[in-house]
Amino acid sequence: MAAGRVVTVERGDGWQRPGAFWGTTPNLRAGPRGPTLAWSLPDGRIRYADVGVPLGDPEPTPDGTDGRLARVAEAWPSTSAPAHRIAAAAEVLAAAVTLGWLAMLVVGPDPVVGTRWFWFWLGSLPFGLGVLAWLHRERWRPSQRHGSAPPAAARRSGWAGLGWSLLATVGLTLAVVALRGLLGGALVPG
């Protein structure tokens, strides 16, 4: 806290989800004697640790560590903060893009490069890269006209899509770890 790297601190009993939506961010359930200690960083990220149940008086005293933690915890960001609204909008946008892509994949014209299963597995790539690859290869630059049927042997199978998806996911993970090591956690969060 003295170095300015911790903005807020709060102790809690665990986590609770504010709604039934699958993309909601869990909130810390407040409790002065809870085992979970959560703190926020200046860039908005929240970290937590399981530190065990505190010994001694459960009420924070005006002096000492408990008093400082209680004063800092009063400024804990609410769910109406702009960062939470932006995150919620990004989650809804990602869900809409995913559902639209799946609908186009299922009911749209036959893919040219690979089967539907091939693109389904590639669509699971992180950062939406599989959906972007499908959009680029099948919609913006198809190798054949959509009216003609592609030969079945020339299209890649679902097994090939699964293999490429696994390899690309490992490669992307290693790339993100390397970028985080080079650029730091502020530019490449993890």
N, C-alpha and C. Protein backbone atom coordinates (compact mmCIF):
# COMPACT_ATOMS: atom_id res chain seq x y z
N MET A 1 0.82 -1.19 0.00
CA MET A 1 0.00 0.00 0.00
C MET A 1 0.86 1.25 0.00
N ALA A 2 1.96 1.23 0.72
CA ALA A 2 2.80 2.42 0.80
C ALA A 2 3.43 2.75 -0.55
N ALA A 3 3.68 1.75 -1.37
CA ALA A 3 4.30 1.99 -2.68
C ALA A 3 3.28 2.44 -3.72
N GLY A 4 1.99 2.44 -3.39
CA GLY A 4 0.97 2.87 -4.33
C GLY A 4 0.53 1.81 -5.31
N ARG A 5 0.88 0.56 -5.07
CA ARG A 5 0.49 -0.51 -5.98
C ARG A 5 -0.82 -1.17 -5.58
N VAL A 6 -1.31 -0.89 -4.37
CA VAL A 6 -2.58 -1.44 -3.91
C VAL A 6 -3.54 -0.28 -3.69
N VAL A 7 -4.70 -0.35 -4.34
CA VAL A 7 -5.67 0.74 -4.24
C VAL A 7 -6.68 0.46 -3.13
N THR A 8 -7.25 -0.75 -3.12
CA THR A 8 -8.23 -1.11 -2.09
C THR A 8 -7.93 -2.50 -1.58
N VAL A 9 -8.39 -2.77 -0.34
CA VAL A 9 -8.23 -4.08 0.28
C VAL A 9 -9.54 -4.42 0.97
N GLU A 10 -9.96 -5.69 0.87
CA GLU A 10 -11.17 -6.13 1.55
C GLU A 10 -11.02 -7.58 1.96
N ARG A 11 -11.55 -7.92 3.14
CA ARG A 11 -11.56 -9.30 3.63
C ARG A 11 -12.97 -9.85 3.42
N GLY A 12 -13.07 -11.11 3.04
CA GLY A 12 -14.38 -11.69 2.78
C GLY A 12 -14.46 -13.15 3.13
N ASP A 13 -15.71 -13.66 3.10
CA ASP A 13 -16.00 -15.06 3.42
C ASP A 13 -15.97 -15.97 2.20
N GLY A 14 -15.87 -15.42 1.03
CA GLY A 14 -15.88 -16.21 -0.20
C GLY A 14 -16.44 -15.38 -1.33
N TRP A 15 -16.94 -16.06 -2.36
CA TRP A 15 -17.40 -15.37 -3.56
C TRP A 15 -18.88 -15.63 -3.77
N GLN A 16 -19.56 -14.64 -4.35
CA GLN A 16 -20.97 -14.78 -4.71
C GLN A 16 -21.19 -14.20 -6.10
N ARG A 17 -22.10 -14.80 -6.84
CA ARG A 17 -22.43 -14.29 -8.17
C ARG A 17 -23.67 -13.42 -8.06
N PRO A 18 -23.61 -12.18 -8.60
CA PRO A 18 -24.74 -11.27 -8.46
C PRO A 18 -25.95 -11.64 -9.32
N GLY A 19 -25.79 -12.41 -10.36
CA GLY A 19 -26.91 -12.75 -11.23
C GLY A 19 -26.74 -14.15 -11.79
N ALA A 20 -27.71 -14.55 -12.59
CA ALA A 20 -27.68 -15.89 -13.15
C ALA A 20 -26.97 -15.95 -14.49
N PHE A 21 -26.59 -14.79 -15.06
CA PHE A 21 -25.94 -14.76 -16.36
C PHE A 21 -24.57 -15.42 -16.27
N TRP A 22 -24.23 -16.28 -17.22
CA TRP A 22 -22.99 -17.05 -17.15
C TRP A 22 -21.76 -16.19 -17.19
N GLY A 23 -21.85 -14.96 -17.68
CA GLY A 23 -20.68 -14.10 -17.80
C GLY A 23 -20.50 -13.12 -16.66
N THR A 24 -21.30 -13.23 -15.60
CA THR A 24 -21.19 -12.27 -14.51
C THR A 24 -19.90 -12.48 -13.73
N THR A 25 -19.39 -11.39 -13.21
CA THR A 25 -18.17 -11.43 -12.41
C THR A 25 -18.53 -11.67 -10.95
N PRO A 26 -17.92 -12.66 -10.30
CA PRO A 26 -18.26 -12.89 -8.89
C PRO A 26 -17.76 -11.75 -8.01
N ASN A 27 -18.54 -11.45 -6.97
CA ASN A 27 -18.17 -10.42 -6.01
C ASN A 27 -17.74 -11.08 -4.71
N LEU A 28 -16.89 -10.40 -3.98
CA LEU A 28 -16.43 -10.89 -2.69
C LEU A 28 -17.56 -10.72 -1.68
N ARG A 29 -17.89 -11.80 -0.97
CA ARG A 29 -18.91 -11.73 0.08
C ARG A 29 -18.23 -11.20 1.33
N ALA A 30 -18.64 -10.01 1.75
CA ALA A 30 -17.96 -9.32 2.86
C ALA A 30 -18.08 -10.11 4.15
N GLY A 31 -17.02 -10.12 4.90
CA GLY A 31 -16.98 -10.76 6.22
C GLY A 31 -15.67 -10.43 6.90
N PRO A 32 -15.72 -9.79 8.07
CA PRO A 32 -14.47 -9.35 8.72
C PRO A 32 -13.58 -10.49 9.17
N ARG A 33 -14.14 -11.69 9.33
CA ARG A 33 -13.32 -12.82 9.77
C ARG A 33 -13.16 -13.87 8.68
N GLY A 34 -13.43 -13.50 7.44
CA GLY A 34 -13.33 -14.44 6.34
C GLY A 34 -11.89 -14.76 5.98
N PRO A 35 -11.67 -15.89 5.32
CA PRO A 35 -10.31 -16.30 4.97
C PRO A 35 -9.77 -15.67 3.68
N THR A 36 -10.61 -14.95 2.93
CA THR A 36 -10.19 -14.42 1.64
C THR A 36 -9.84 -12.94 1.76
N LEU A 37 -8.66 -12.58 1.28
CA LEU A 37 -8.22 -11.19 1.25
C LEU A 37 -8.09 -10.79 -0.21
N ALA A 38 -8.83 -9.75 -0.62
CA ALA A 38 -8.80 -9.28 -2.01
C ALA A 38 -8.32 -7.85 -2.04
N TRP A 39 -7.53 -7.52 -3.08
CA TRP A 39 -7.05 -6.15 -3.23
C TRP A 39 -7.07 -5.79 -4.70
N SER A 40 -7.23 -4.50 -4.97
CA SER A 40 -7.25 -4.04 -6.35
C SER A 40 -6.00 -3.24 -6.64
N LEU A 41 -5.58 -3.29 -7.90
CA LEU A 41 -4.38 -2.60 -8.37
C LEU A 41 -4.78 -1.32 -9.09
N PRO A 42 -3.86 -0.39 -9.30
CA PRO A 42 -4.20 0.87 -9.97
C PRO A 42 -4.79 0.70 -11.37
N ASP A 43 -4.47 -0.39 -12.08
CA ASP A 43 -5.00 -0.58 -13.43
C ASP A 43 -6.36 -1.27 -13.44
N GLY A 44 -6.95 -1.51 -12.26
CA GLY A 44 -8.28 -2.08 -12.18
C GLY A 44 -8.33 -3.58 -11.95
N ARG A 45 -7.20 -4.26 -12.06
CA ARG A 45 -7.20 -5.71 -11.83
C ARG A 45 -7.38 -6.00 -10.35
N ILE A 46 -8.02 -7.12 -10.05
CA ILE A 46 -8.26 -7.52 -8.66
C ILE A 46 -7.52 -8.83 -8.42
N ARG A 47 -6.79 -8.87 -7.34
CA ARG A 47 -6.06 -10.07 -6.93
C ARG A 47 -6.63 -10.54 -5.60
N TYR A 48 -6.45 -11.82 -5.28
CA TYR A 48 -6.95 -12.33 -4.01
C TYR A 48 -6.03 -13.43 -3.51
N ALA A 49 -6.13 -13.69 -2.21
CA ALA A 49 -5.35 -14.76 -1.60
C ALA A 49 -6.16 -15.33 -0.44
N ASP A 50 -6.00 -16.62 -0.21
CA ASP A 50 -6.62 -17.26 0.94
C ASP A 50 -5.61 -17.19 2.08
N VAL A 51 -5.88 -16.34 3.06
CA VAL A 51 -4.91 -16.09 4.14
C VAL A 51 -5.33 -16.71 5.46
N GLY A 52 -6.45 -17.40 5.49
CA GLY A 52 -6.91 -18.02 6.72
C GLY A 52 -7.72 -17.06 7.57
N VAL A 53 -8.35 -17.61 8.60
CA VAL A 53 -9.18 -16.82 9.50
C VAL A 53 -8.28 -16.05 10.45
N PRO A 54 -8.54 -14.73 10.64
CA PRO A 54 -7.68 -13.95 11.54
C PRO A 54 -7.89 -14.33 13.00
N LEU A 55 -6.84 -14.20 13.77
CA LEU A 55 -6.91 -14.46 15.20
C LEU A 55 -7.18 -13.15 15.92
N GLY A 56 -7.86 -13.21 17.04
CA GLY A 56 -8.06 -12.00 17.83
C GLY A 56 -9.40 -11.36 17.57
N ASP A 57 -9.49 -10.06 17.84
CA ASP A 57 -10.71 -9.28 17.77
C ASP A 57 -11.21 -9.17 16.34
N PRO A 58 -12.48 -9.57 16.06
CA PRO A 58 -12.97 -9.48 14.68
C PRO A 58 -13.30 -8.06 14.24
N GLU A 59 -13.51 -7.14 15.16
CA GLU A 59 -13.84 -5.77 14.80
C GLU A 59 -12.56 -5.00 14.51
N PRO A 60 -12.51 -4.24 13.42
CA PRO A 60 -11.32 -3.45 13.14
C PRO A 60 -11.16 -2.32 14.15
N THR A 61 -9.97 -2.11 14.57
CA THR A 61 -9.68 -1.03 15.51
C THR A 61 -9.31 0.21 14.73
N PRO A 62 -9.50 1.40 15.31
CA PRO A 62 -9.16 2.61 14.57
C PRO A 62 -7.67 2.73 14.26
N ASP A 63 -6.84 2.07 15.05
CA ASP A 63 -5.40 2.12 14.83
C ASP A 63 -4.92 0.77 14.32
N GLY A 64 -3.73 0.74 13.82
CA GLY A 64 -3.11 -0.51 13.41
C GLY A 64 -3.55 -0.95 12.03
N THR A 65 -3.18 -2.18 11.72
CA THR A 65 -3.40 -2.72 10.38
C THR A 65 -4.88 -2.85 10.05
N ASP A 66 -5.68 -3.36 11.01
CA ASP A 66 -7.11 -3.54 10.73
C ASP A 66 -7.79 -2.21 10.43
N GLY A 67 -7.44 -1.17 11.14
CA GLY A 67 -8.04 0.14 10.90
C GLY A 67 -7.68 0.69 9.53
N ARG A 68 -6.42 0.53 9.14
CA ARG A 68 -6.00 0.99 7.81
C ARG A 68 -6.71 0.20 6.71
N LEU A 69 -6.82 -1.12 6.90
CA LEU A 69 -7.50 -1.94 5.91
C LEU A 69 -8.98 -1.57 5.81
N ALA A 70 -9.62 -1.29 6.95
CA ALA A 70 -11.03 -0.90 6.93
C ALA A 70 -11.24 0.43 6.22
N ARG A 71 -10.34 1.39 6.43
CA ARG A 71 -10.47 2.69 5.77
C ARG A 71 -10.25 2.56 4.26
N VAL A 72 -9.30 1.74 3.87
CA VAL A 72 -9.03 1.56 2.45
C VAL A 72 -10.16 0.79 1.78
N ALA A 73 -10.75 -0.19 2.49
CA ALA A 73 -11.81 -1.02 1.91
C ALA A 73 -13.08 -0.23 1.66
N GLU A 74 -13.26 0.91 2.29
CA GLU A 74 -14.46 1.72 2.06
C GLU A 74 -14.53 2.20 0.62
N ALA A 75 -13.39 2.34 -0.02
CA ALA A 75 -13.35 2.82 -1.41
C ALA A 75 -13.40 1.69 -2.43
N TRP A 76 -13.85 0.50 -2.02
CA TRP A 76 -13.92 -0.65 -2.93
C TRP A 76 -14.83 -0.32 -4.11
N PRO A 77 -14.41 -0.62 -5.35
CA PRO A 77 -15.20 -0.21 -6.51
C PRO A 77 -16.56 -0.90 -6.54
N SER A 78 -17.59 -0.16 -6.89
CA SER A 78 -18.94 -0.72 -6.97
C SER A 78 -19.14 -1.35 -8.35
N THR A 79 -20.24 -2.06 -8.49
CA THR A 79 -20.51 -2.73 -9.77
C THR A 79 -20.93 -1.75 -10.85
N SER A 80 -21.19 -0.49 -10.49
CA SER A 80 -21.59 0.48 -11.51
C SER A 80 -20.40 1.25 -12.06
N ALA A 81 -19.20 0.85 -11.69
CA ALA A 81 -18.00 1.53 -12.18
C ALA A 81 -17.89 1.34 -13.69
N PRO A 82 -17.28 2.30 -14.40
CA PRO A 82 -17.17 2.18 -15.87
C PRO A 82 -16.46 0.90 -16.32
N ALA A 83 -15.46 0.45 -15.57
CA ALA A 83 -14.75 -0.76 -15.97
C ALA A 83 -15.68 -1.97 -15.98
N HIS A 84 -16.58 -2.04 -15.00
CA HIS A 84 -17.52 -3.17 -14.95
C HIS A 84 -18.53 -3.08 -16.09
N ARG A 85 -18.95 -1.87 -16.43
CA ARG A 85 -19.90 -1.72 -17.53
C ARG A 85 -19.25 -2.07 -18.86
N ILE A 86 -18.00 -1.69 -19.04
CA ILE A 86 -17.28 -2.03 -20.27
C ILE A 86 -17.08 -3.54 -20.37
N ALA A 87 -16.72 -4.17 -19.24
CA ALA A 87 -16.54 -5.62 -19.24
C ALA A 87 -17.85 -6.34 -19.55
N ALA A 88 -18.95 -5.85 -18.98
CA ALA A 88 -20.25 -6.47 -19.26
C ALA A 88 -20.63 -6.31 -20.73
N ALA A 89 -20.37 -5.13 -21.30
CA ALA A 89 -20.67 -4.91 -22.72
C ALA A 89 -19.81 -5.82 -23.60
N ALA A 90 -18.55 -6.01 -23.23
CA ALA A 90 -17.67 -6.89 -24.01
C ALA A 90 -18.15 -8.33 -23.94
N GLU A 91 -18.64 -8.76 -22.77
CA GLU A 91 -19.16 -10.12 -22.64
C GLU A 91 -20.39 -10.33 -23.51
N VAL A 92 -21.30 -9.35 -23.51
CA VAL A 92 -22.51 -9.47 -24.32
C VAL A 92 -22.15 -9.46 -25.81
N LEU A 93 -21.21 -8.60 -26.20
CA LEU A 93 -20.78 -8.54 -27.60
C LEU A 93 -20.14 -9.86 -28.03
N ALA A 94 -19.29 -10.43 -27.17
CA ALA A 94 -18.65 -11.71 -27.48
C ALA A 94 -19.69 -12.82 -27.62
N ALA A 95 -20.68 -12.82 -26.75
CA ALA A 95 -21.74 -13.83 -26.84
C ALA A 95 -22.54 -13.67 -28.13
N ALA A 96 -22.85 -12.43 -28.51
CA ALA A 96 -23.61 -12.19 -29.74
C ALA A 96 -22.82 -12.61 -30.97
N VAL A 97 -21.52 -12.30 -31.00
CA VAL A 97 -20.68 -12.69 -32.14
C VAL A 97 -20.59 -14.21 -32.22
N THR A 98 -20.42 -14.87 -31.08
CA THR A 98 -20.32 -16.33 -31.07
C THR A 98 -21.60 -16.98 -31.56
N LEU A 99 -22.74 -16.51 -31.06
CA LEU A 99 -24.02 -17.09 -31.49
C LEU A 99 -24.28 -16.82 -32.98
N GLY A 100 -23.94 -15.63 -33.44
CA GLY A 100 -24.10 -15.32 -34.86
C GLY A 100 -23.21 -16.19 -35.73
N TRP A 101 -21.98 -16.40 -35.29
CA TRP A 101 -21.05 -17.24 -36.04
C TRP A 101 -21.55 -18.69 -36.08
N LEU A 102 -22.01 -19.20 -34.93
CA LEU A 102 -22.52 -20.57 -34.91
C LEU A 102 -23.75 -20.72 -35.81
N ALA A 103 -24.63 -19.72 -35.80
CA ALA A 103 -25.80 -19.79 -36.67
C ALA A 103 -25.39 -19.80 -38.14
N MET A 104 -24.44 -18.95 -38.51
CA MET A 104 -23.96 -18.93 -39.91
C MET A 104 -23.27 -20.24 -40.27
N LEU A 105 -22.54 -20.81 -39.33
CA LEU A 105 -21.83 -22.05 -39.59
C LEU A 105 -22.82 -23.20 -39.81
N VAL A 106 -23.89 -23.23 -39.02
CA VAL A 106 -24.84 -24.34 -39.09
C VAL A 106 -25.79 -24.21 -40.27
N VAL A 107 -26.39 -23.03 -40.47
CA VAL A 107 -27.42 -22.90 -41.50
C VAL A 107 -26.92 -22.23 -42.77
N GLY A 108 -25.70 -21.73 -42.77
CA GLY A 108 -25.16 -21.06 -43.95
C GLY A 108 -24.72 -22.05 -45.01
N PRO A 109 -24.15 -21.54 -46.09
CA PRO A 109 -23.67 -22.43 -47.16
C PRO A 109 -22.52 -23.31 -46.68
N ASP A 110 -22.30 -24.41 -47.39
CA ASP A 110 -21.22 -25.32 -47.02
C ASP A 110 -19.88 -24.60 -47.08
N PRO A 111 -19.04 -24.81 -46.07
CA PRO A 111 -17.71 -24.20 -46.10
C PRO A 111 -16.87 -24.77 -47.24
N VAL A 112 -15.93 -23.97 -47.73
CA VAL A 112 -15.10 -24.36 -48.87
C VAL A 112 -13.82 -25.04 -48.40
N VAL A 113 -13.16 -24.49 -47.41
CA VAL A 113 -11.85 -24.98 -46.98
C VAL A 113 -11.95 -26.24 -46.13
N GLY A 114 -12.87 -26.26 -45.19
CA GLY A 114 -13.02 -27.39 -44.29
C GLY A 114 -14.48 -27.68 -44.04
N THR A 115 -14.73 -28.78 -43.34
CA THR A 115 -16.10 -29.12 -42.99
C THR A 115 -16.59 -28.19 -41.88
N ARG A 116 -17.86 -28.31 -41.56
CA ARG A 116 -18.41 -27.50 -40.46
C ARG A 116 -17.72 -27.84 -39.14
N TRP A 117 -17.40 -29.12 -38.95
CA TRP A 117 -16.69 -29.51 -37.73
C TRP A 117 -15.28 -28.92 -37.69
N PHE A 118 -14.64 -28.85 -38.84
CA PHE A 118 -13.31 -28.22 -38.90
C PHE A 118 -13.39 -26.79 -38.37
N TRP A 119 -14.35 -26.01 -38.87
CA TRP A 119 -14.47 -24.62 -38.45
C TRP A 119 -15.02 -24.50 -37.03
N PHE A 120 -15.82 -25.46 -36.60
CA PHE A 120 -16.29 -25.43 -35.21
C PHE A 120 -15.11 -25.52 -34.25
N TRP A 121 -14.19 -26.45 -34.50
CA TRP A 121 -13.04 -26.59 -33.61
C TRP A 121 -12.11 -25.40 -33.72
N LEU A 122 -11.88 -24.90 -34.92
CA LEU A 122 -11.02 -23.72 -35.05
C LEU A 122 -11.67 -22.47 -34.44
N GLY A 123 -12.98 -22.44 -34.42
CA GLY A 123 -13.68 -21.30 -33.82
C GLY A 123 -13.47 -21.19 -32.32
N SER A 124 -12.97 -22.25 -31.70
CA SER A 124 -12.73 -22.22 -30.25
C SER A 124 -11.38 -21.60 -29.89
N LEU A 125 -10.65 -21.10 -30.86
CA LEU A 125 -9.35 -20.47 -30.57
C LEU A 125 -9.54 -19.23 -29.69
N PRO A 126 -8.57 -18.95 -28.83
CA PRO A 126 -8.67 -17.77 -27.96
C PRO A 126 -8.67 -16.47 -28.76
N PHE A 127 -9.18 -15.43 -28.12
CA PHE A 127 -9.22 -14.06 -28.66
C PHE A 127 -10.09 -13.95 -29.91
N GLY A 128 -10.93 -14.95 -30.19
CA GLY A 128 -11.78 -14.89 -31.36
C GLY A 128 -11.03 -15.08 -32.67
N LEU A 129 -9.80 -15.57 -32.60
CA LEU A 129 -9.00 -15.72 -33.82
C LEU A 129 -9.57 -16.76 -34.78
N GLY A 130 -10.19 -17.82 -34.24
CA GLY A 130 -10.80 -18.83 -35.11
C GLY A 130 -11.98 -18.28 -35.88
N VAL A 131 -12.79 -17.46 -35.21
CA VAL A 131 -13.94 -16.85 -35.89
C VAL A 131 -13.45 -15.88 -36.95
N LEU A 132 -12.40 -15.12 -36.64
CA LEU A 132 -11.83 -14.21 -37.64
C LEU A 132 -11.25 -14.97 -38.82
N ALA A 133 -10.60 -16.12 -38.56
CA ALA A 133 -10.05 -16.94 -39.64
C ALA A 133 -11.18 -17.46 -40.53
N TRP A 134 -12.28 -17.92 -39.92
CA TRP A 134 -13.43 -18.40 -40.69
C TRP A 134 -14.01 -17.26 -41.54
N LEU A 135 -14.16 -16.09 -40.93
CA LEU A 135 -14.71 -14.95 -41.64
C LEU A 135 -13.83 -14.57 -42.82
N HIS A 136 -12.52 -14.56 -42.60
CA HIS A 136 -11.59 -14.20 -43.67
C HIS A 136 -11.60 -15.25 -44.79
N ARG A 137 -11.50 -16.52 -44.42
CA ARG A 137 -11.30 -17.57 -45.42
C ARG A 137 -12.59 -17.99 -46.12
N GLU A 138 -13.69 -18.03 -45.37
CA GLU A 138 -14.94 -18.55 -45.94
C GLU A 138 -15.87 -17.46 -46.45
N ARG A 139 -15.80 -16.27 -45.91
CA ARG A 139 -16.75 -15.23 -46.30
C ARG A 139 -16.11 -14.15 -47.16
N TRP A 140 -14.91 -13.72 -46.83
CA TRP A 140 -14.30 -12.62 -47.56
C TRP A 140 -13.49 -13.09 -48.76
N ARG A 141 -12.86 -14.28 -48.67
CA ARG A 141 -12.01 -14.78 -49.76
C ARG A 141 -12.27 -16.25 -50.03
N PRO A 142 -13.46 -16.65 -50.39
CA PRO A 142 -13.68 -18.07 -50.69
C PRO A 142 -12.94 -18.46 -51.96
N SER A 143 -12.41 -19.68 -51.99
CA SER A 143 -11.65 -20.12 -53.16
C SER A 143 -12.56 -20.57 -54.30
N GLN A 144 -13.81 -20.86 -54.01
CA GLN A 144 -14.77 -21.24 -55.05
C GLN A 144 -16.02 -20.40 -54.87
N ARG A 145 -16.82 -20.38 -55.90
CA ARG A 145 -18.11 -19.68 -55.77
C ARG A 145 -19.01 -20.49 -54.85
N HIS A 146 -19.87 -19.79 -54.14
CA HIS A 146 -20.74 -20.48 -53.20
C HIS A 146 -21.79 -21.35 -53.89
N GLY A 147 -22.02 -21.15 -55.18
CA GLY A 147 -23.01 -21.95 -55.89
C GLY A 147 -22.51 -23.34 -56.24
N SER A 148 -21.21 -23.52 -56.37
CA SER A 148 -20.67 -24.83 -56.75
C SER A 148 -20.32 -25.63 -55.51
N ALA A 149 -20.48 -26.91 -55.60
CA ALA A 149 -20.19 -27.78 -54.46
C ALA A 149 -18.70 -28.12 -54.44
N PRO A 150 -18.03 -27.91 -53.31
CA PRO A 150 -16.61 -28.25 -53.24
C PRO A 150 -16.42 -29.76 -53.16
N PRO A 151 -15.34 -30.26 -53.71
CA PRO A 151 -15.09 -31.70 -53.60
C PRO A 151 -14.85 -32.07 -52.15
N ALA A 152 -15.45 -33.18 -51.73
CA ALA A 152 -15.38 -33.58 -50.32
C ALA A 152 -13.95 -33.90 -49.89
N ALA A 153 -13.14 -34.47 -50.80
CA ALA A 153 -11.77 -34.85 -50.42
C ALA A 153 -10.88 -33.63 -50.20
N ALA A 154 -11.20 -32.52 -50.84
CA ALA A 154 -10.35 -31.34 -50.73
C ALA A 154 -10.60 -30.57 -49.42
N ARG A 155 -11.73 -30.81 -48.80
CA ARG A 155 -12.04 -30.08 -47.56
C ARG A 155 -11.39 -30.77 -46.36
N ARG A 156 -10.95 -29.97 -45.42
CA ARG A 156 -10.31 -30.51 -44.21
C ARG A 156 -11.38 -31.03 -43.26
N SER A 157 -11.04 -32.10 -42.52
CA SER A 157 -12.01 -32.77 -41.66
C SER A 157 -12.06 -32.13 -40.27
N GLY A 158 -13.03 -32.58 -39.49
CA GLY A 158 -13.15 -32.11 -38.12
C GLY A 158 -11.96 -32.51 -37.27
N TRP A 159 -11.37 -33.68 -37.55
CA TRP A 159 -10.19 -34.10 -36.80
C TRP A 159 -9.01 -33.16 -37.06
N ALA A 160 -8.88 -32.73 -38.30
CA ALA A 160 -7.82 -31.76 -38.61
C ALA A 160 -8.08 -30.45 -37.88
N GLY A 161 -9.34 -30.03 -37.81
CA GLY A 161 -9.69 -28.82 -37.08
C GLY A 161 -9.38 -28.93 -35.60
N LEU A 162 -9.66 -30.10 -35.02
CA LEU A 162 -9.34 -30.33 -33.61
C LEU A 162 -7.84 -30.26 -33.38
N GLY A 163 -7.07 -30.91 -34.25
CA GLY A 163 -5.61 -30.89 -34.11
C GLY A 163 -5.04 -29.48 -34.26
N TRP A 164 -5.48 -28.77 -35.29
CA TRP A 164 -5.00 -27.40 -35.48
C TRP A 164 -5.42 -26.50 -34.32
N SER A 165 -6.61 -26.72 -33.80
CA SER A 165 -7.09 -25.92 -32.68
C SER A 165 -6.22 -26.14 -31.44
N LEU A 166 -5.88 -27.39 -31.16
CA LEU A 166 -5.02 -27.68 -30.00
C LEU A 166 -3.63 -27.08 -30.18
N LEU A 167 -3.05 -27.26 -31.36
CA LEU A 167 -1.71 -26.71 -31.62
C LEU A 167 -1.71 -25.18 -31.55
N ALA A 168 -2.70 -24.56 -32.15
CA ALA A 168 -2.76 -23.10 -32.15
C ALA A 168 -3.01 -22.55 -30.75
N THR A 169 -3.81 -23.24 -29.94
CA THR A 169 -4.06 -22.79 -28.57
C THR A 169 -2.78 -22.84 -27.75
N VAL A 170 -2.02 -23.91 -27.88
CA VAL A 170 -0.74 -23.99 -27.17
C VAL A 170 0.20 -22.89 -27.65
N GLY A 171 0.27 -22.68 -28.96
CA GLY A 171 1.13 -21.62 -29.51
C GLY A 171 0.72 -20.24 -29.04
N LEU A 172 -0.59 -19.96 -29.03
CA LEU A 172 -1.06 -18.65 -28.55
C LEU A 172 -0.78 -18.47 -27.06
N THR A 173 -0.92 -19.53 -26.29
CA THR A 173 -0.63 -19.45 -24.86
C THR A 173 0.84 -19.12 -24.64
N LEU A 174 1.72 -19.79 -25.35
CA LEU A 174 3.15 -19.51 -25.22
C LEU A 174 3.48 -18.09 -25.67
N ALA A 175 2.82 -17.62 -26.72
CA ALA A 175 3.05 -16.25 -27.20
C ALA A 175 2.61 -15.22 -26.17
N VAL A 176 1.47 -15.46 -25.52
CA VAL A 176 0.99 -14.52 -24.49
C VAL A 176 1.92 -14.53 -23.29
N VAL A 177 2.39 -15.70 -22.89
CA VAL A 177 3.33 -15.78 -21.77
C VAL A 177 4.62 -15.04 -22.11
N ALA A 178 5.11 -15.21 -23.32
CA ALA A 178 6.34 -14.51 -23.73
C ALA A 178 6.12 -13.00 -23.78
N LEU A 179 4.99 -12.56 -24.34
CA LEU A 179 4.71 -11.13 -24.39
C LEU A 179 4.55 -10.54 -22.99
N ARG A 180 3.93 -11.29 -22.09
CA ARG A 180 3.79 -10.80 -20.71
C ARG A 180 5.15 -10.68 -20.05
N GLY A 181 6.04 -11.63 -20.33
CA GLY A 181 7.39 -11.55 -19.77
C GLY A 181 8.17 -10.37 -20.33
N LEU A 182 7.98 -10.06 -21.62
CA LEU A 182 8.70 -8.94 -22.24
C LEU A 182 8.10 -7.58 -21.89
N LEU A 183 6.77 -7.47 -21.93
CA LEU A 183 6.12 -6.18 -21.80
C LEU A 183 5.56 -5.90 -20.41
N GLY A 184 5.43 -6.93 -19.59
CA GLY A 184 4.90 -6.74 -18.25
C GLY A 184 3.40 -6.95 -18.17
N GLY A 185 2.90 -7.05 -16.94
CA GLY A 185 1.49 -7.33 -16.70
C GLY A 185 0.57 -6.17 -16.99
N ALA A 186 1.08 -4.95 -17.03
CA ALA A 186 0.21 -3.80 -17.30
C ALA A 186 -0.26 -3.79 -18.76
N LEU A 187 0.60 -4.21 -19.68
CA LEU A 187 0.23 -4.23 -21.10
C LEU A 187 -0.38 -5.55 -21.53
N VAL A 188 0.05 -6.66 -20.92
CA VAL A 188 -0.47 -7.98 -21.26
C VAL A 188 -0.99 -8.61 -19.97
N PRO A 189 -2.27 -8.38 -19.62
CA PRO A 189 -2.78 -8.92 -18.36
C PRO A 189 -2.86 -10.43 -18.40
N GLY A 190 -2.79 -11.03 -17.24
CA GLY A 190 -2.84 -12.47 -17.17
C GLY A 190 -3.57 -12.98 -15.97
